[in-house]
Amino acid sequence: MDTSETHFIDLIEKHKGILCRIVQLYAYNREDREDLQQDIIIQLWKSYPSFRGESKFSTWMYRVAVNTSITYIKQEKRKPKANYTENFPEIRDTPYNDEKDIQSKAFFEALQTLKPIEKALMFLYLENLSHRKIGENLGISEGNARVKLSRVKEKLQIILKKNGHEF
């Protein structure tokens, strides 16, 4: 294994949390998560030679992972849709005993109804990235990120309220 492979593997290991969170957000069952994770890693490896270090590796990784996920979702839309609850057995079967668990489940389910770009916006927001960083990751301006994020938050509030939850 040459040093670039070793360095790449080290960087992926260091930032594997990003990969896990994005895969969890965009893929609905274990098999899809494994496929998407593999697709992201392959795309990261193919793109790695073009990484110039002008941004942090994690910023670049977010961008590649989100773009790969959006492409994956578009390809998945061509496949027949499965029953939503079948895709989340761990959620369906988990007993929710306290209000925080119930709110988390409701929020996660609401996130799943968003468009891929809206999911990306929320993901980056929940990662505590600034509007400027969100814009950089998604290839949009800071102002556009701010406006889109505001709209997505409103949309989530409407979805949650419609489903009987208020945050």
N, C-alpha and C. Protein backbone atom coordinates (compact mmCIF):
# COMPACT_ATOMS: atom_id res chain seq x y z
N MET A 1 0.87 -1.18 0.00
CA MET A 1 0.00 0.00 0.00
C MET A 1 0.90 1.23 0.00
N ASP A 2 0.67 2.15 -0.94
CA ASP A 2 1.50 3.35 -0.98
C ASP A 2 1.01 4.37 0.04
N THR A 3 1.79 5.43 0.20
CA THR A 3 1.49 6.42 1.24
C THR A 3 0.19 7.17 0.98
N SER A 4 -0.18 7.38 -0.31
CA SER A 4 -1.43 8.08 -0.58
C SER A 4 -2.62 7.23 -0.15
N GLU A 5 -2.54 5.91 -0.37
CA GLU A 5 -3.62 5.03 0.08
C GLU A 5 -3.72 5.04 1.61
N THR A 6 -2.59 4.95 2.26
CA THR A 6 -2.56 4.96 3.72
C THR A 6 -3.11 6.27 4.25
N HIS A 7 -2.70 7.36 3.65
CA HIS A 7 -3.18 8.68 4.08
C HIS A 7 -4.70 8.80 3.87
N PHE A 8 -5.19 8.32 2.73
CA PHE A 8 -6.62 8.34 2.43
C PHE A 8 -7.38 7.52 3.48
N ILE A 9 -6.92 6.33 3.76
CA ILE A 9 -7.58 5.46 4.74
C ILE A 9 -7.59 6.13 6.12
N ASP A 10 -6.49 6.75 6.49
CA ASP A 10 -6.41 7.47 7.77
C ASP A 10 -7.43 8.61 7.83
N LEU A 11 -7.54 9.36 6.74
CA LEU A 11 -8.50 10.47 6.70
C LEU A 11 -9.95 9.96 6.78
N ILE A 12 -10.24 8.90 6.07
CA ILE A 12 -11.59 8.32 6.11
C ILE A 12 -11.89 7.84 7.54
N GLU A 13 -10.95 7.19 8.15
CA GLU A 13 -11.13 6.71 9.53
C GLU A 13 -11.34 7.88 10.49
N LYS A 14 -10.57 8.92 10.31
CA LYS A 14 -10.69 10.10 11.18
C LYS A 14 -12.05 10.77 11.05
N HIS A 15 -12.61 10.76 9.86
CA HIS A 15 -13.88 11.46 9.59
C HIS A 15 -15.03 10.49 9.31
N LYS A 16 -14.93 9.26 9.82
CA LYS A 16 -15.97 8.27 9.52
C LYS A 16 -17.33 8.66 10.09
N GLY A 17 -17.36 9.52 11.10
CA GLY A 17 -18.63 9.98 11.65
C GLY A 17 -19.45 10.72 10.61
N ILE A 18 -18.80 11.50 9.78
CA ILE A 18 -19.48 12.22 8.69
C ILE A 18 -20.15 11.20 7.77
N LEU A 19 -19.39 10.21 7.40
CA LEU A 19 -19.88 9.18 6.50
C LEU A 19 -21.08 8.45 7.11
N CYS A 20 -20.97 8.08 8.37
CA CYS A 20 -22.07 7.35 9.04
C CYS A 20 -23.33 8.20 9.11
N ARG A 21 -23.20 9.47 9.45
CA ARG A 21 -24.38 10.32 9.58
C ARG A 21 -25.06 10.57 8.23
N ILE A 22 -24.27 10.79 7.21
CA ILE A 22 -24.86 11.02 5.88
C ILE A 22 -25.55 9.76 5.38
N VAL A 23 -24.91 8.63 5.54
CA VAL A 23 -25.50 7.37 5.10
C VAL A 23 -26.81 7.11 5.86
N GLN A 24 -26.82 7.38 7.14
CA GLN A 24 -28.02 7.18 7.95
C GLN A 24 -29.16 8.09 7.47
N LEU A 25 -28.82 9.27 7.06
CA LEU A 25 -29.82 10.23 6.63
C LEU A 25 -30.42 9.90 5.26
N TYR A 26 -29.62 9.36 4.37
CA TYR A 26 -30.07 9.15 3.00
C TYR A 26 -30.49 7.72 2.67
N ALA A 27 -30.11 6.75 3.46
CA ALA A 27 -30.46 5.36 3.16
C ALA A 27 -31.37 4.82 4.27
N TYR A 28 -32.36 4.05 3.88
CA TYR A 28 -33.43 3.70 4.79
C TYR A 28 -33.33 2.32 5.42
N ASN A 29 -32.48 1.46 4.91
CA ASN A 29 -32.32 0.15 5.54
C ASN A 29 -30.85 -0.24 5.49
N ARG A 30 -30.53 -1.30 6.19
CA ARG A 30 -29.13 -1.72 6.33
C ARG A 30 -28.46 -1.96 4.97
N GLU A 31 -29.14 -2.66 4.08
CA GLU A 31 -28.56 -2.96 2.77
C GLU A 31 -28.28 -1.68 1.98
N ASP A 32 -29.24 -0.76 1.98
CA ASP A 32 -29.05 0.51 1.27
C ASP A 32 -27.93 1.33 1.92
N ARG A 33 -27.85 1.32 3.24
CA ARG A 33 -26.78 2.06 3.92
C ARG A 33 -25.42 1.50 3.53
N GLU A 34 -25.31 0.17 3.49
CA GLU A 34 -24.04 -0.44 3.09
C GLU A 34 -23.68 -0.09 1.65
N ASP A 35 -24.68 -0.15 0.76
CA ASP A 35 -24.44 0.20 -0.64
C ASP A 35 -24.02 1.66 -0.79
N LEU A 36 -24.76 2.54 -0.12
CA LEU A 36 -24.45 3.97 -0.21
C LEU A 36 -23.07 4.27 0.37
N GLN A 37 -22.75 3.67 1.49
CA GLN A 37 -21.43 3.90 2.10
C GLN A 37 -20.33 3.46 1.14
N GLN A 38 -20.52 2.32 0.53
CA GLN A 38 -19.54 1.82 -0.43
C GLN A 38 -19.42 2.78 -1.63
N ASP A 39 -20.57 3.25 -2.12
CA ASP A 39 -20.55 4.20 -3.24
C ASP A 39 -19.81 5.48 -2.87
N ILE A 40 -20.05 5.98 -1.66
CA ILE A 40 -19.39 7.21 -1.23
C ILE A 40 -17.88 7.01 -1.13
N ILE A 41 -17.47 5.90 -0.53
CA ILE A 41 -16.03 5.65 -0.38
C ILE A 41 -15.37 5.50 -1.75
N ILE A 42 -16.03 4.82 -2.66
CA ILE A 42 -15.48 4.68 -4.02
C ILE A 42 -15.35 6.05 -4.67
N GLN A 43 -16.39 6.88 -4.55
CA GLN A 43 -16.35 8.21 -5.15
C GLN A 43 -15.27 9.08 -4.49
N LEU A 44 -15.13 8.95 -3.17
CA LEU A 44 -14.07 9.69 -2.48
C LEU A 44 -12.70 9.27 -3.00
N TRP A 45 -12.51 7.97 -3.16
CA TRP A 45 -11.22 7.47 -3.64
C TRP A 45 -10.95 7.94 -5.07
N LYS A 46 -11.97 7.87 -5.94
CA LYS A 46 -11.80 8.31 -7.32
C LYS A 46 -11.50 9.81 -7.40
N SER A 47 -12.09 10.57 -6.49
CA SER A 47 -11.92 12.03 -6.49
C SER A 47 -10.70 12.48 -5.69
N TYR A 48 -10.15 11.62 -4.88
CA TYR A 48 -9.05 12.00 -3.98
C TYR A 48 -7.86 12.63 -4.70
N PRO A 49 -7.46 12.13 -5.86
CA PRO A 49 -6.33 12.77 -6.54
C PRO A 49 -6.59 14.24 -6.90
N SER A 50 -7.86 14.60 -7.04
CA SER A 50 -8.18 15.99 -7.39
C SER A 50 -8.36 16.87 -6.15
N PHE A 51 -8.31 16.29 -4.96
CA PHE A 51 -8.41 17.10 -3.74
C PHE A 51 -7.13 17.90 -3.58
N ARG A 52 -7.28 19.22 -3.65
CA ARG A 52 -6.11 20.11 -3.64
C ARG A 52 -5.79 20.68 -2.27
N GLY A 53 -6.61 20.41 -1.30
CA GLY A 53 -6.35 20.90 0.04
C GLY A 53 -6.71 22.37 0.23
N GLU A 54 -7.51 22.93 -0.70
CA GLU A 54 -7.91 24.33 -0.57
C GLU A 54 -8.97 24.50 0.52
N SER A 55 -9.60 23.41 0.89
CA SER A 55 -10.53 23.40 2.02
C SER A 55 -10.12 22.24 2.91
N LYS A 56 -10.76 22.15 4.06
CA LYS A 56 -10.47 21.02 4.94
C LYS A 56 -10.93 19.74 4.26
N PHE A 57 -10.28 18.65 4.59
CA PHE A 57 -10.69 17.36 4.05
C PHE A 57 -12.15 17.08 4.41
N SER A 58 -12.54 17.40 5.64
CA SER A 58 -13.92 17.12 6.08
C SER A 58 -14.93 17.89 5.23
N THR A 59 -14.63 19.13 4.86
CA THR A 59 -15.52 19.93 4.02
C THR A 59 -15.66 19.28 2.65
N TRP A 60 -14.55 18.89 2.09
CA TRP A 60 -14.55 18.22 0.79
C TRP A 60 -15.31 16.90 0.88
N MET A 61 -15.09 16.16 1.96
CA MET A 61 -15.75 14.87 2.16
C MET A 61 -17.27 15.05 2.24
N TYR A 62 -17.74 16.06 2.99
CA TYR A 62 -19.18 16.36 3.05
C TYR A 62 -19.74 16.53 1.64
N ARG A 63 -19.05 17.35 0.88
CA ARG A 63 -19.56 17.69 -0.45
C ARG A 63 -19.65 16.45 -1.35
N VAL A 64 -18.60 15.65 -1.37
CA VAL A 64 -18.60 14.43 -2.20
C VAL A 64 -19.67 13.47 -1.69
N ALA A 65 -19.76 13.31 -0.37
CA ALA A 65 -20.72 12.36 0.21
C ALA A 65 -22.16 12.79 -0.07
N VAL A 66 -22.45 14.07 0.09
CA VAL A 66 -23.82 14.56 -0.17
C VAL A 66 -24.16 14.42 -1.65
N ASN A 67 -23.24 14.82 -2.53
CA ASN A 67 -23.51 14.71 -3.96
C ASN A 67 -23.70 13.25 -4.38
N THR A 68 -22.89 12.36 -3.83
CA THR A 68 -23.04 10.93 -4.13
C THR A 68 -24.38 10.42 -3.61
N SER A 69 -24.77 10.88 -2.44
CA SER A 69 -26.05 10.46 -1.85
C SER A 69 -27.23 10.93 -2.68
N ILE A 70 -27.16 12.16 -3.15
CA ILE A 70 -28.24 12.70 -3.98
C ILE A 70 -28.35 11.90 -5.27
N THR A 71 -27.23 11.57 -5.87
CA THR A 71 -27.24 10.74 -7.08
C THR A 71 -27.82 9.37 -6.77
N TYR A 72 -27.43 8.80 -5.65
CA TYR A 72 -27.93 7.49 -5.22
C TYR A 72 -29.44 7.53 -5.06
N ILE A 73 -29.95 8.58 -4.41
CA ILE A 73 -31.40 8.72 -4.20
C ILE A 73 -32.12 8.80 -5.54
N LYS A 74 -31.58 9.57 -6.47
CA LYS A 74 -32.21 9.69 -7.79
C LYS A 74 -32.27 8.33 -8.48
N GLN A 75 -31.22 7.54 -8.34
CA GLN A 75 -31.21 6.20 -8.94
C GLN A 75 -32.21 5.30 -8.22
N GLU A 76 -32.32 5.43 -6.92
CA GLU A 76 -33.23 4.61 -6.13
C GLU A 76 -34.68 4.90 -6.46
N LYS A 77 -34.98 6.14 -6.87
CA LYS A 77 -36.36 6.50 -7.20
C LYS A 77 -36.88 5.69 -8.37
N ARG A 78 -35.99 5.18 -9.19
CA ARG A 78 -36.41 4.38 -10.33
C ARG A 78 -36.84 2.98 -9.89
N LYS A 79 -36.43 2.58 -8.69
CA LYS A 79 -36.79 1.26 -8.17
C LYS A 79 -38.17 1.32 -7.52
N PRO A 80 -38.86 0.19 -7.43
CA PRO A 80 -40.15 0.19 -6.73
C PRO A 80 -39.97 0.58 -5.27
N LYS A 81 -40.94 1.34 -4.75
CA LYS A 81 -40.85 1.80 -3.37
C LYS A 81 -41.33 0.71 -2.43
N ALA A 82 -40.62 0.58 -1.32
CA ALA A 82 -41.00 -0.37 -0.28
C ALA A 82 -41.87 0.34 0.74
N ASN A 83 -42.52 -0.40 1.57
CA ASN A 83 -43.31 0.15 2.66
C ASN A 83 -42.39 0.90 3.60
N TYR A 84 -42.72 2.12 3.94
CA TYR A 84 -41.89 2.98 4.78
C TYR A 84 -41.53 2.32 6.10
N THR A 85 -42.50 1.75 6.79
CA THR A 85 -42.22 1.18 8.11
C THR A 85 -41.37 -0.08 8.00
N GLU A 86 -41.43 -0.78 6.88
CA GLU A 86 -40.57 -1.95 6.72
C GLU A 86 -39.11 -1.53 6.65
N ASN A 87 -38.85 -0.33 6.18
CA ASN A 87 -37.48 0.14 6.05
C ASN A 87 -36.88 0.57 7.37
N PHE A 88 -37.70 0.74 8.39
CA PHE A 88 -37.20 1.21 9.68
C PHE A 88 -37.58 0.27 10.82
N PRO A 89 -37.19 -1.01 10.72
CA PRO A 89 -37.62 -1.92 11.78
C PRO A 89 -37.07 -1.52 13.15
N GLU A 90 -35.85 -0.97 13.18
CA GLU A 90 -35.28 -0.59 14.46
C GLU A 90 -36.06 0.56 15.09
N ILE A 91 -36.66 1.39 14.29
CA ILE A 91 -37.47 2.49 14.82
C ILE A 91 -38.84 1.97 15.22
N ARG A 92 -39.45 1.20 14.33
CA ARG A 92 -40.79 0.68 14.59
C ARG A 92 -40.81 -0.20 15.84
N ASP A 93 -39.77 -1.03 16.02
CA ASP A 93 -39.75 -1.98 17.12
C ASP A 93 -39.20 -1.42 18.42
N THR A 94 -38.63 -0.24 18.38
CA THR A 94 -38.05 0.34 19.58
C THR A 94 -39.14 0.94 20.45
N PRO A 95 -39.17 0.57 21.74
CA PRO A 95 -40.16 1.20 22.61
C PRO A 95 -39.72 2.63 22.93
N TYR A 96 -40.61 3.58 22.73
CA TYR A 96 -40.31 4.97 23.01
C TYR A 96 -40.98 5.33 24.32
N ASN A 97 -40.16 5.46 25.33
CA ASN A 97 -40.69 5.64 26.68
C ASN A 97 -40.78 7.08 27.12
N ASP A 98 -39.90 7.90 26.63
CA ASP A 98 -39.94 9.28 27.10
C ASP A 98 -40.16 10.25 25.94
N GLU A 99 -40.48 11.47 26.31
CA GLU A 99 -40.83 12.49 25.32
C GLU A 99 -39.67 12.75 24.35
N LYS A 100 -38.44 12.70 24.84
CA LYS A 100 -37.28 12.96 23.98
C LYS A 100 -37.19 11.90 22.88
N ASP A 101 -37.41 10.63 23.21
CA ASP A 101 -37.39 9.56 22.22
C ASP A 101 -38.48 9.76 21.18
N ILE A 102 -39.67 10.13 21.63
CA ILE A 102 -40.79 10.34 20.73
C ILE A 102 -40.51 11.51 19.79
N GLN A 103 -39.93 12.58 20.34
CA GLN A 103 -39.60 13.74 19.52
C GLN A 103 -38.51 13.39 18.50
N SER A 104 -37.52 12.62 18.94
CA SER A 104 -36.44 12.23 18.03
C SER A 104 -36.99 11.40 16.87
N LYS A 105 -37.86 10.45 17.17
CA LYS A 105 -38.46 9.62 16.14
C LYS A 105 -39.27 10.48 15.17
N ALA A 106 -40.07 11.38 15.71
CA ALA A 106 -40.90 12.25 14.86
C ALA A 106 -40.02 13.13 13.97
N PHE A 107 -38.96 13.67 14.53
CA PHE A 107 -38.05 14.52 13.76
C PHE A 107 -37.38 13.72 12.65
N PHE A 108 -36.90 12.51 12.97
CA PHE A 108 -36.24 11.67 11.98
C PHE A 108 -37.20 11.32 10.85
N GLU A 109 -38.43 10.97 11.20
CA GLU A 109 -39.42 10.63 10.18
C GLU A 109 -39.73 11.85 9.31
N ALA A 110 -39.81 13.02 9.91
CA ALA A 110 -40.05 14.25 9.14
C ALA A 110 -38.88 14.51 8.19
N LEU A 111 -37.65 14.30 8.66
CA LEU A 111 -36.47 14.49 7.80
C LEU A 111 -36.54 13.60 6.56
N GLN A 112 -37.05 12.40 6.72
CA GLN A 112 -37.10 11.45 5.61
C GLN A 112 -38.04 11.91 4.50
N THR A 113 -38.94 12.82 4.80
CA THR A 113 -39.88 13.30 3.79
C THR A 113 -39.29 14.45 2.95
N LEU A 114 -38.15 14.97 3.37
CA LEU A 114 -37.54 16.09 2.66
C LEU A 114 -36.87 15.64 1.37
N LYS A 115 -36.69 16.59 0.47
CA LYS A 115 -35.95 16.35 -0.76
C LYS A 115 -34.47 16.18 -0.39
N PRO A 116 -33.69 15.51 -1.23
CA PRO A 116 -32.28 15.28 -0.91
C PRO A 116 -31.49 16.54 -0.56
N ILE A 117 -31.68 17.63 -1.30
CA ILE A 117 -30.93 18.85 -1.01
C ILE A 117 -31.36 19.44 0.32
N GLU A 118 -32.65 19.30 0.65
CA GLU A 118 -33.15 19.79 1.94
C GLU A 118 -32.56 18.97 3.08
N LYS A 119 -32.44 17.67 2.87
CA LYS A 119 -31.79 16.81 3.88
C LYS A 119 -30.34 17.26 4.09
N ALA A 120 -29.66 17.55 2.98
CA ALA A 120 -28.27 17.99 3.08
C ALA A 120 -28.16 19.28 3.88
N LEU A 121 -29.05 20.22 3.61
CA LEU A 121 -29.06 21.48 4.36
C LEU A 121 -29.24 21.23 5.85
N MET A 122 -30.23 20.40 6.19
CA MET A 122 -30.49 20.11 7.61
C MET A 122 -29.34 19.36 8.25
N PHE A 123 -28.77 18.42 7.52
CA PHE A 123 -27.64 17.67 8.04
C PHE A 123 -26.49 18.60 8.41
N LEU A 124 -26.15 19.47 7.49
CA LEU A 124 -25.03 20.39 7.73
C LEU A 124 -25.37 21.37 8.85
N TYR A 125 -26.62 21.80 8.92
CA TYR A 125 -27.06 22.68 10.00
C TYR A 125 -26.95 21.97 11.35
N LEU A 126 -27.39 20.72 11.39
CA LEU A 126 -27.32 19.95 12.64
C LEU A 126 -25.88 19.63 13.04
N GLU A 127 -24.97 19.72 12.08
CA GLU A 127 -23.54 19.56 12.36
C GLU A 127 -22.93 20.87 12.86
N ASN A 128 -23.77 21.87 13.06
CA ASN A 128 -23.36 23.19 13.56
C ASN A 128 -22.44 23.95 12.61
N LEU A 129 -22.61 23.74 11.33
CA LEU A 129 -21.84 24.50 10.36
C LEU A 129 -22.49 25.85 10.14
N SER A 130 -21.68 26.84 9.89
CA SER A 130 -22.19 28.19 9.62
C SER A 130 -22.85 28.21 8.25
N HIS A 131 -23.62 29.26 7.99
CA HIS A 131 -24.26 29.40 6.68
C HIS A 131 -23.21 29.45 5.57
N ARG A 132 -22.10 30.07 5.86
CA ARG A 132 -21.01 30.15 4.88
C ARG A 132 -20.49 28.75 4.56
N LYS A 133 -20.26 27.94 5.60
CA LYS A 133 -19.74 26.58 5.39
C LYS A 133 -20.79 25.69 4.71
N ILE A 134 -22.05 25.87 5.08
CA ILE A 134 -23.11 25.10 4.43
C ILE A 134 -23.12 25.42 2.94
N GLY A 135 -23.03 26.72 2.63
CA GLY A 135 -22.99 27.14 1.23
C GLY A 135 -21.80 26.55 0.49
N GLU A 136 -20.63 26.57 1.13
CA GLU A 136 -19.43 26.00 0.51
C GLU A 136 -19.61 24.52 0.22
N ASN A 137 -20.17 23.80 1.19
CA ASN A 137 -20.37 22.36 1.02
C ASN A 137 -21.35 22.02 -0.09
N LEU A 138 -22.35 22.87 -0.28
CA LEU A 138 -23.38 22.58 -1.27
C LEU A 138 -23.19 23.34 -2.58
N GLY A 139 -22.16 24.18 -2.63
CA GLY A 139 -21.88 24.92 -3.86
C GLY A 139 -22.87 26.04 -4.12
N ILE A 140 -23.38 26.64 -3.04
CA ILE A 140 -24.30 27.76 -3.15
C ILE A 140 -23.77 28.92 -2.31
N SER A 141 -24.33 30.09 -2.49
CA SER A 141 -23.86 31.24 -1.74
C SER A 141 -24.32 31.14 -0.28
N GLU A 142 -23.67 31.90 0.57
CA GLU A 142 -24.03 31.96 1.99
C GLU A 142 -25.48 32.44 2.14
N GLY A 143 -25.85 33.47 1.41
CA GLY A 143 -27.21 34.00 1.47
C GLY A 143 -28.24 32.98 1.01
N ASN A 144 -27.92 32.27 -0.05
CA ASN A 144 -28.82 31.24 -0.56
C ASN A 144 -28.97 30.12 0.47
N ALA A 145 -27.88 29.75 1.12
CA ALA A 145 -27.92 28.72 2.16
C ALA A 145 -28.82 29.18 3.31
N ARG A 146 -28.69 30.43 3.69
CA ARG A 146 -29.50 30.98 4.78
C ARG A 146 -31.00 30.93 4.44
N VAL A 147 -31.35 31.35 3.23
CA VAL A 147 -32.75 31.38 2.80
C VAL A 147 -33.30 29.96 2.69
N LYS A 148 -32.56 29.08 2.03
CA LYS A 148 -33.02 27.70 1.85
C LYS A 148 -33.18 27.00 3.20
N LEU A 149 -32.25 27.23 4.11
CA LEU A 149 -32.31 26.60 5.41
C LEU A 149 -33.53 27.10 6.19
N SER A 150 -33.81 28.37 6.10
CA SER A 150 -34.99 28.93 6.76
C SER A 150 -36.26 28.27 6.22
N ARG A 151 -36.33 28.09 4.92
CA ARG A 151 -37.50 27.47 4.30
C ARG A 151 -37.64 26.00 4.72
N VAL A 152 -36.51 25.31 4.81
CA VAL A 152 -36.55 23.90 5.21
C VAL A 152 -37.00 23.77 6.67
N LYS A 153 -36.54 24.67 7.51
CA LYS A 153 -36.98 24.64 8.92
C LYS A 153 -38.48 24.87 9.01
N GLU A 154 -38.99 25.81 8.24
CA GLU A 154 -40.44 26.06 8.22
C GLU A 154 -41.18 24.83 7.73
N LYS A 155 -40.67 24.21 6.68
CA LYS A 155 -41.28 23.01 6.13
C LYS A 155 -41.33 21.90 7.17
N LEU A 156 -40.22 21.71 7.90
CA LEU A 156 -40.19 20.69 8.95
C LEU A 156 -41.21 20.99 10.04
N GLN A 157 -41.31 22.25 10.43
CA GLN A 157 -42.30 22.63 11.44
C GLN A 157 -43.71 22.27 10.99
N ILE A 158 -44.01 22.54 9.73
CA ILE A 158 -45.34 22.24 9.18
C ILE A 158 -45.58 20.73 9.20
N ILE A 159 -44.59 19.97 8.77
CA ILE A 159 -44.72 18.51 8.75
C ILE A 159 -44.93 17.98 10.16
N LEU A 160 -44.12 18.47 11.09
CA LEU A 160 -44.23 18.00 12.48
C LEU A 160 -45.58 18.38 13.09
N LYS A 161 -46.02 19.59 12.83
CA LYS A 161 -47.31 20.05 13.37
C LYS A 161 -48.44 19.22 12.77
N LYS A 162 -48.37 18.97 11.48
CA LYS A 162 -49.38 18.17 10.79
C LYS A 162 -49.47 16.76 11.40
N ASN A 163 -48.33 16.25 11.85
CA ASN A 163 -48.27 14.92 12.45
C ASN A 163 -48.50 14.94 13.97
N GLY A 164 -48.91 16.10 14.48
CA GLY A 164 -49.26 16.18 15.90
C GLY A 164 -48.10 16.44 16.84
N HIS A 165 -47.01 16.96 16.31
CA HIS A 165 -45.84 17.26 17.15
C HIS A 165 -45.48 18.73 17.01
N GLU A 166 -45.13 19.32 18.11
CA GLU A 166 -44.62 20.71 18.07
C GLU A 166 -43.34 20.77 18.85
N PHE A 167 -42.36 21.46 18.29
CA PHE A 167 -41.05 21.58 18.94
C PHE A 167 -40.78 23.02 19.23
